[in-house]
Amino acid sequence: MRGLLDTSVFVGREAGRAVDELPDEAALSVITLAELTLGVRMAEQRGDSDLAGLRQATLDAVAVTFDVLAVDRQIASVCAAIRAGGRARNLRFGPFDSLIAATAVVHGLPLYTQDTQFSDMVGVQTRLI
């Protein structure tokens, strides 16, 4: 089975959380690369070289291991629909999470995540791991 991996999967691994039931073939959104890069930069800014090194190693491995899916107009449109649908139900979804979810929807992929908020997004097929 193919699936899209959310940033929380990689952050969970770094934190030592169990990550179960990953798809045989996986891809990720370019937004996940942005979030992982942000994690490196934030650790560097705090002067935490050990954490920055760990996060850089994760980023380097992810960048060469998985297919990276870009954001296009269709994904942007689905992202807007996800966020608007959430607001109609008094839920606030962040732009990065909404773009990752929209990427999964547009590509017809289940989203593998450790973030339960994705389950509240209408039309997103989530696999909580």
Protein backbone atom coordinates (compact mmCIF):
# COMPACT_ATOMS: atom_id res chain seq x y z
CA MET A 1 0.00 0.00 0.00
CA ARG A 2 1.11 3.55 -0.71
CA GLY A 3 0.65 6.45 1.70
CA LEU A 4 1.72 9.97 2.61
CA LEU A 5 3.76 10.41 5.79
CA ASP A 6 3.05 13.41 8.01
CA THR A 7 5.83 15.30 9.77
CA SER A 8 4.68 13.83 13.10
CA VAL A 9 5.92 10.39 11.99
CA PHE A 10 9.50 11.64 11.79
CA VAL A 11 9.27 13.79 14.92
CA GLY A 12 7.83 10.78 16.73
CA ARG A 13 10.77 8.63 15.70
CA GLU A 14 13.20 11.29 16.93
CA ALA A 15 11.38 11.35 20.28
CA GLY A 16 11.49 7.56 20.55
CA ARG A 17 7.74 7.02 20.09
CA ALA A 18 6.67 3.80 18.46
CA VAL A 19 5.74 4.13 14.81
CA ASP A 20 3.57 1.24 13.62
CA GLU A 21 2.04 0.16 10.34
CA LEU A 22 3.89 2.29 7.82
CA PRO A 23 2.92 1.79 4.18
CA ASP A 24 5.09 -0.33 1.89
CA GLU A 25 5.55 2.69 -0.39
CA ALA A 26 5.57 6.17 1.10
CA ALA A 27 5.80 9.74 -0.06
CA LEU A 28 5.74 13.06 1.73
CA SER A 29 4.75 16.63 1.06
CA VAL A 30 7.34 19.29 0.41
CA ILE A 31 5.70 20.96 3.42
CA THR A 32 7.08 18.16 5.60
CA LEU A 33 10.58 19.07 4.37
CA ALA A 34 9.88 22.68 5.34
CA GLU A 35 8.73 21.65 8.82
CA LEU A 36 11.72 19.37 9.35
CA THR A 37 14.06 22.14 8.18
CA LEU A 38 12.37 24.52 10.61
CA GLY A 39 13.09 22.04 13.40
CA VAL A 40 16.79 22.08 12.52
CA ARG A 41 16.90 25.89 12.40
CA MET A 42 15.06 26.30 15.71
CA ALA A 43 17.44 23.89 17.47
CA GLU A 44 20.40 25.79 16.01
CA GLN A 45 18.98 29.11 17.19
CA ARG A 46 18.63 27.71 20.71
CA GLY A 47 22.23 26.53 20.57
CA ASP A 48 21.23 22.87 20.96
CA SER A 49 23.78 21.28 18.65
CA ASP A 50 22.87 17.71 19.64
CA LEU A 51 19.21 18.20 18.73
CA ALA A 52 20.13 20.14 15.59
CA GLY A 53 22.37 17.24 14.53
CA LEU A 54 19.65 14.68 15.17
CA ARG A 55 17.11 16.71 13.23
CA GLN A 56 19.54 17.33 10.36
CA ALA A 57 20.21 13.59 10.13
CA THR A 58 16.45 12.97 9.96
CA LEU A 59 16.03 15.64 7.29
CA ASP A 60 18.93 14.27 5.22
CA ALA A 61 17.59 10.71 5.37
CA VAL A 62 14.02 11.73 4.56
CA ALA A 63 15.06 13.89 1.61
CA VAL A 64 16.77 10.99 -0.18
CA THR A 65 14.47 8.14 0.90
CA PHE A 66 10.98 9.32 -0.01
CA ASP A 67 9.24 10.79 -3.03
CA VAL A 68 8.54 14.46 -2.31
CA LEU A 69 5.24 15.79 -3.65
CA ALA A 70 5.00 19.47 -4.54
CA VAL A 71 2.13 21.83 -3.81
CA ASP A 72 0.17 22.96 -6.87
CA ARG A 73 -3.06 24.87 -7.53
CA GLN A 74 -5.26 21.85 -6.99
CA ILE A 75 -3.65 21.16 -3.62
CA ALA A 76 -3.99 24.84 -2.70
CA SER A 77 -7.70 24.70 -3.54
CA VAL A 78 -8.30 21.54 -1.51
CA CYS A 79 -6.31 23.09 1.36
CA ALA A 80 -8.64 26.09 1.35
CA ALA A 81 -11.67 23.78 1.38
CA ILE A 82 -10.27 21.82 4.34
CA ARG A 83 -9.60 25.00 6.32
CA ALA A 84 -12.99 26.52 5.46
CA GLY A 85 -14.73 23.28 6.41
CA GLY A 86 -12.94 23.30 9.73
CA ARG A 87 -13.86 26.90 10.44
CA ALA A 88 -17.51 26.12 9.70
CA ARG A 89 -17.29 23.60 12.57
CA ASN A 90 -15.31 25.98 14.83
CA LEU A 91 -12.07 24.06 14.22
CA ARG A 92 -8.82 25.77 13.32
CA PHE A 93 -6.43 23.81 11.13
CA GLY A 94 -2.99 25.29 10.54
CA PRO A 95 -1.87 26.04 6.99
CA PHE A 96 0.99 23.51 7.00
CA ASP A 97 -1.18 20.65 8.27
CA SER A 98 -3.92 21.62 5.82
CA LEU A 99 -1.47 21.59 2.90
CA ILE A 100 -0.14 18.17 3.93
CA ALA A 101 -3.70 16.83 4.21
CA ALA A 102 -4.66 18.34 0.86
CA THR A 103 -1.63 16.70 -0.74
CA ALA A 104 -2.86 13.32 0.50
CA VAL A 105 -6.39 13.98 -0.77
CA VAL A 106 -5.32 15.15 -4.23
CA HIS A 107 -3.00 12.17 -4.69
CA GLY A 108 -5.59 9.71 -3.34
CA LEU A 109 -3.31 8.60 -0.51
CA PRO A 110 -4.05 7.78 3.11
CA LEU A 111 -2.22 10.11 5.51
CA TYR A 112 -0.09 8.32 8.10
CA THR A 113 0.22 10.49 11.20
CA GLN A 114 0.54 10.64 14.97
CA ASP A 115 -1.49 13.87 15.05
CA THR A 116 -5.15 13.20 15.90
CA GLN A 117 -6.24 16.60 14.52
CA PHE A 118 -6.09 15.22 10.97
CA SER A 119 -9.02 12.93 11.84
CA ASP A 120 -11.20 16.04 12.15
CA MET A 121 -10.50 17.08 8.55
CA VAL A 122 -13.37 16.13 6.27
CA GLY A 123 -12.33 14.04 3.28
CA VAL A 124 -8.89 13.11 4.62
CA GLN A 125 -8.27 9.39 4.99
CA THR A 126 -6.04 9.15 8.08
CA ARG A 127 -4.11 6.28 9.59
CA LEU A 128 -3.18 7.07 13.19
CA ILE A 129 0.02 5.25 14.00
